[in-house]
Amino acid sequence: MQIAYALNFLRMFKSLPPELQNEAYEKIELFRDPANQARLKVHKLRGRLSGRYSFSVNYSVRIVFRYMNSPKEALLLAIGSHDVYR
């Protein structure tokens, strides 16, 4: 899967502690393989974030993304606690 990064995602990522950045990077690498979607708990969001998806980095940190032109291209939009849903 091809992955692009929104500027907002990059700013949020850089503000994370280094150990959390490493964990997030590992999960992004897993996300590249569609076979890992269940393991990452990929799910479609509803309400204000309709049309976007999310997956888990750890128990409290999520990555919000959207598929681009096909399910083989994703744009990572935000990373953080459940506050990224607001």
Protein backbone atom coordinates (compact mmCIF):
# COMPACT_ATOMS: atom_id res chain seq x y z
CA MET A 1 0.00 0.00 0.00
CA GLN A 2 1.19 3.50 -0.78
CA ILE A 3 0.99 5.94 2.12
CA ALA A 4 1.00 9.74 2.03
CA TYR A 5 1.21 12.03 5.04
CA ALA A 6 -0.85 15.17 5.62
CA LEU A 7 1.10 18.11 7.06
CA ASN A 8 -1.07 18.00 10.18
CA PHE A 9 -0.16 14.34 10.69
CA LEU A 10 3.56 15.14 10.41
CA ARG A 11 3.29 17.97 12.96
CA MET A 12 1.40 15.73 15.39
CA PHE A 13 3.86 12.85 14.84
CA LYS A 14 6.89 15.06 15.57
CA SER A 15 5.34 16.17 18.87
CA LEU A 16 5.17 12.56 20.14
CA PRO A 17 7.86 11.15 22.44
CA PRO A 18 10.54 9.21 20.49
CA GLU A 19 9.47 5.80 21.82
CA LEU A 20 5.88 6.46 20.71
CA GLN A 21 7.14 7.63 17.30
CA ASN A 22 8.96 4.31 16.93
CA GLU A 23 5.84 2.35 17.89
CA ALA A 24 3.73 4.37 15.43
CA TYR A 25 6.25 3.84 12.65
CA GLU A 26 6.12 0.07 13.26
CA LYS A 27 2.31 0.11 13.03
CA ILE A 28 2.41 2.18 9.84
CA GLU A 29 4.73 -0.41 8.32
CA LEU A 30 2.27 -3.16 9.34
CA PHE A 31 -0.57 -1.11 7.83
CA ARG A 32 1.13 -1.26 4.41
CA ASP A 33 0.07 -4.92 4.22
CA PRO A 34 -3.75 -5.22 4.01
CA ALA A 35 -3.54 -8.63 5.72
CA ASN A 36 -2.74 -6.78 8.99
CA GLN A 37 -5.90 -4.66 9.10
CA ALA A 38 -7.68 -6.89 11.63
CA ARG A 39 -4.59 -6.94 13.84
CA LEU A 40 -4.49 -3.12 13.79
CA LYS A 41 -8.25 -2.87 14.41
CA VAL A 42 -8.89 -0.78 11.28
CA HIS A 43 -12.42 0.57 11.40
CA LYS A 44 -14.59 3.08 9.60
CA LEU A 45 -15.49 6.22 11.52
CA ARG A 46 -18.95 7.74 11.72
CA GLY A 47 -20.50 11.11 12.32
CA ARG A 48 -18.33 14.15 11.73
CA LEU A 49 -15.48 11.89 10.58
CA SER A 50 -17.59 9.90 8.15
CA GLY A 51 -15.51 8.72 5.20
CA ARG A 52 -12.40 8.35 7.34
CA TYR A 53 -10.89 5.33 9.05
CA SER A 54 -8.76 4.68 12.09
CA PHE A 55 -6.32 2.09 13.40
CA SER A 56 -4.60 1.52 16.72
CA VAL A 57 -0.99 2.27 17.53
CA ASN A 58 -1.46 1.17 21.14
CA TYR A 59 -4.25 1.16 23.70
CA SER A 60 -4.62 4.94 23.73
CA VAL A 61 -3.13 6.25 20.45
CA ARG A 62 -4.90 6.11 17.09
CA ILE A 63 -4.11 7.08 13.51
CA VAL A 64 -6.90 8.61 11.43
CA PHE A 65 -6.66 8.20 7.68
CA ARG A 66 -8.66 8.09 4.49
CA TYR A 67 -8.30 5.99 1.41
CA MET A 68 -7.38 7.99 -1.66
CA ASN A 69 -8.18 6.81 -5.19
CA SER A 70 -8.17 3.13 -4.24
CA PRO A 71 -7.86 0.94 -1.14
CA LYS A 72 -4.16 0.65 -2.05
CA GLU A 73 -3.51 4.34 -1.31
CA ALA A 74 -3.99 5.98 2.08
CA LEU A 75 -3.50 9.50 3.40
CA LEU A 76 -2.64 9.63 7.11
CA LEU A 77 -4.47 12.62 8.59
CA ALA A 78 -3.91 12.65 12.36
CA ILE A 79 -2.28 10.75 15.20
CA GLY A 80 -2.99 10.96 18.92
CA SER A 81 -5.31 9.94 21.70
CA HIS A 82 -9.06 9.70 21.18
CA ASP A 83 -9.01 13.52 20.99
CA VAL A 84 -8.04 13.15 17.30
CA TYR A 85 -11.69 12.20 16.73
CA ARG A 86 -12.83 15.68 17.74
